[in-house]
């Protein structure tokens, strides 16, 4: 279990899998909130705006991975 809080930025911690001190690698994943924001942008603005939530990290889950062993370390969803 990781005791270091994971936020929206890369975090330095000891990987519980490979036991190395690493700075986490962030990968973005779309979720329900991403899709809802895209639909709302389409309805209230215009169709080109629907790509904004998918191109930015603002509405997506930030998943932390170990760059050494590729272990999933946790996720941050604002």
C-alpha atoms as a PDB file:
ATOM      1  CA  UNK A   1       0.000   0.000   0.000  1.00  0.00           C
ATOM      2  CA  UNK A   2       1.267   3.466  -0.889  1.00  0.00           C
ATOM      3  CA  UNK A   3       1.276   5.995   1.935  1.00  0.00           C
ATOM      4  CA  UNK A   4       2.297   8.926  -0.285  1.00  0.00           C
ATOM      5  CA  UNK A   5      -0.746  10.858  -1.547  1.00  0.00           C
ATOM      6  CA  UNK A   6      -1.022  10.826  -5.313  1.00  0.00           C
ATOM      7  CA  UNK A   7      -2.091  14.041  -7.000  1.00  0.00           C
ATOM      8  CA  UNK A   8      -2.337  15.405 -10.511  1.00  0.00           C
ATOM      9  CA  UNK A   9       1.455  15.741 -10.880  1.00  0.00           C
ATOM     10  CA  UNK A  10       4.184  13.050 -10.933  1.00  0.00           C
ATOM     11  CA  UNK A  11       5.162  12.022  -7.409  1.00  0.00           C
ATOM     12  CA  UNK A  12       8.449  10.684  -6.062  1.00  0.00           C
ATOM     13  CA  UNK A  13       7.951   7.535  -3.990  1.00  0.00           C
ATOM     14  CA  UNK A  14       9.223   4.018  -3.407  1.00  0.00           C
ATOM     15  CA  UNK A  15       7.545   1.534  -5.726  1.00  0.00           C
ATOM     16  CA  UNK A  16       5.989  -1.309  -3.703  1.00  0.00           C
ATOM     17  CA  UNK A  17       6.626  -3.687  -6.596  1.00  0.00           C
ATOM     18  CA  UNK A  18      10.301  -3.116  -7.524  1.00  0.00           C
ATOM     19  CA  UNK A  19      11.290  -1.215  -4.311  1.00  0.00           C
ATOM     20  CA  UNK A  20      13.100   1.524  -6.261  1.00  0.00           C
ATOM     21  CA  UNK A  21      12.640   5.210  -5.534  1.00  0.00           C
ATOM     22  CA  UNK A  22      11.004   6.589  -8.678  1.00  0.00           C
ATOM     23  CA  UNK A  23       9.070   9.564  -9.969  1.00  0.00           C
ATOM     24  CA  UNK A  24       5.742   8.240 -11.179  1.00  0.00           C
ATOM     25  CA  UNK A  25       4.735   8.291 -14.821  1.00  0.00           C
ATOM     26  CA  UNK A  26       1.305   9.815 -15.483  1.00  0.00           C
ATOM     27  CA  UNK A  27      -1.088   8.302 -18.000  1.00  0.00           C
ATOM     28  CA  UNK A  28      -4.477   9.838 -18.713  1.00  0.00           C
ATOM     29  CA  UNK A  29      -7.656   7.772 -18.999  1.00  0.00           C
ATOM     30  CA  UNK A  30     -11.081   8.990 -20.076  1.00  0.00           C
ATOM     31  CA  UNK A  31     -13.972   8.246 -17.764  1.00  0.00           C
ATOM     32  CA  UNK A  32     -17.684   9.009 -17.511  1.00  0.00           C
ATOM     33  CA  UNK A  33     -17.011  12.611 -16.502  1.00  0.00           C
ATOM     34  CA  UNK A  34     -14.955  13.117 -19.684  1.00  0.00           C
ATOM     35  CA  UNK A  35     -17.808  11.884 -21.860  1.00  0.00           C
ATOM     36  CA  UNK A  36     -20.424  13.985 -20.041  1.00  0.00           C
ATOM     37  CA  UNK A  37     -18.363  17.170 -20.436  1.00  0.00           C
ATOM     38  CA  UNK A  38     -17.900  16.409 -24.145  1.00  0.00           C
ATOM     39  CA  UNK A  39     -21.663  15.971 -24.625  1.00  0.00           C
ATOM     40  CA  UNK A  40     -22.390  19.209 -22.746  1.00  0.00           C
ATOM     41  CA  UNK A  41     -19.874  21.103 -24.872  1.00  0.00           C
ATOM     42  CA  UNK A  42     -21.513  19.702 -27.998  1.00  0.00           C
ATOM     43  CA  UNK A  43     -25.021  20.661 -26.870  1.00  0.00           C
ATOM     44  CA  UNK A  44     -24.232  24.153 -25.596  1.00  0.00           C
ATOM     45  CA  UNK A  45     -21.329  25.274 -27.801  1.00  0.00           C
ATOM     46  CA  UNK A  46     -20.465  23.520 -31.045  1.00  0.00           C
ATOM     47  CA  UNK A  47     -19.164  20.220 -32.344  1.00  0.00           C
ATOM     48  CA  UNK A  48     -15.418  21.145 -32.566  1.00  0.00           C
ATOM     49  CA  UNK A  49     -15.434  21.736 -28.802  1.00  0.00           C
ATOM     50  CA  UNK A  50     -16.132  18.090 -27.995  1.00  0.00           C
ATOM     51  CA  UNK A  51     -12.468  17.166 -28.407  1.00  0.00           C
ATOM     52  CA  UNK A  52     -11.306  19.533 -25.630  1.00  0.00           C
ATOM     53  CA  UNK A  53     -11.937  17.106 -22.707  1.00  0.00           C
ATOM     54  CA  UNK A  54     -10.107  14.328 -24.576  1.00  0.00           C
ATOM     55  CA  UNK A  55      -7.083  16.478 -25.491  1.00  0.00           C
ATOM     56  CA  UNK A  56      -6.491  17.936 -22.035  1.00  0.00           C
ATOM     57  CA  UNK A  57      -6.026  16.322 -18.655  1.00  0.00           C
ATOM     58  CA  UNK A  58      -8.662  18.431 -16.923  1.00  0.00           C
ATOM     59  CA  UNK A  59     -11.523  15.916 -17.125  1.00  0.00           C
ATOM     60  CA  UNK A  60      -9.593  12.661 -17.224  1.00  0.00           C
ATOM     61  CA  UNK A  61      -8.248  10.348 -14.537  1.00  0.00           C
ATOM     62  CA  UNK A  62      -4.508  10.638 -13.895  1.00  0.00           C
ATOM     63  CA  UNK A  63      -3.080   7.141 -13.361  1.00  0.00           C
ATOM     64  CA  UNK A  64       0.345   6.787 -11.744  1.00  0.00           C
ATOM     65  CA  UNK A  65       2.695   4.033 -12.940  1.00  0.00           C
ATOM     66  CA  UNK A  66       6.226   3.035 -11.995  1.00  0.00           C
ATOM     67  CA  UNK A  67       8.549   3.874 -14.928  1.00  0.00           C
ATOM     68  CA  UNK A  68      10.861   1.008 -13.962  1.00  0.00           C
ATOM     69  CA  UNK A  69       8.534  -1.978 -13.656  1.00  0.00           C
ATOM     70  CA  UNK A  70       5.336  -0.478 -15.126  1.00  0.00           C
ATOM     71  CA  UNK A  71       3.329  -1.298 -11.969  1.00  0.00           C
ATOM     72  CA  UNK A  72       0.077   0.578 -11.406  1.00  0.00           C
ATOM     73  CA  UNK A  73       0.529   2.701  -8.274  1.00  0.00           C
ATOM     74  CA  UNK A  74      -2.773   4.537  -8.005  1.00  0.00           C
ATOM     75  CA  UNK A  75      -5.031   7.113  -9.599  1.00  0.00           C
ATOM     76  CA  UNK A  76      -6.075  10.704  -9.043  1.00  0.00           C
ATOM     77  CA  UNK A  77      -9.489  11.915 -10.156  1.00  0.00           C
ATOM     78  CA  UNK A  78     -10.203  15.573  -9.479  1.00  0.00           C
END
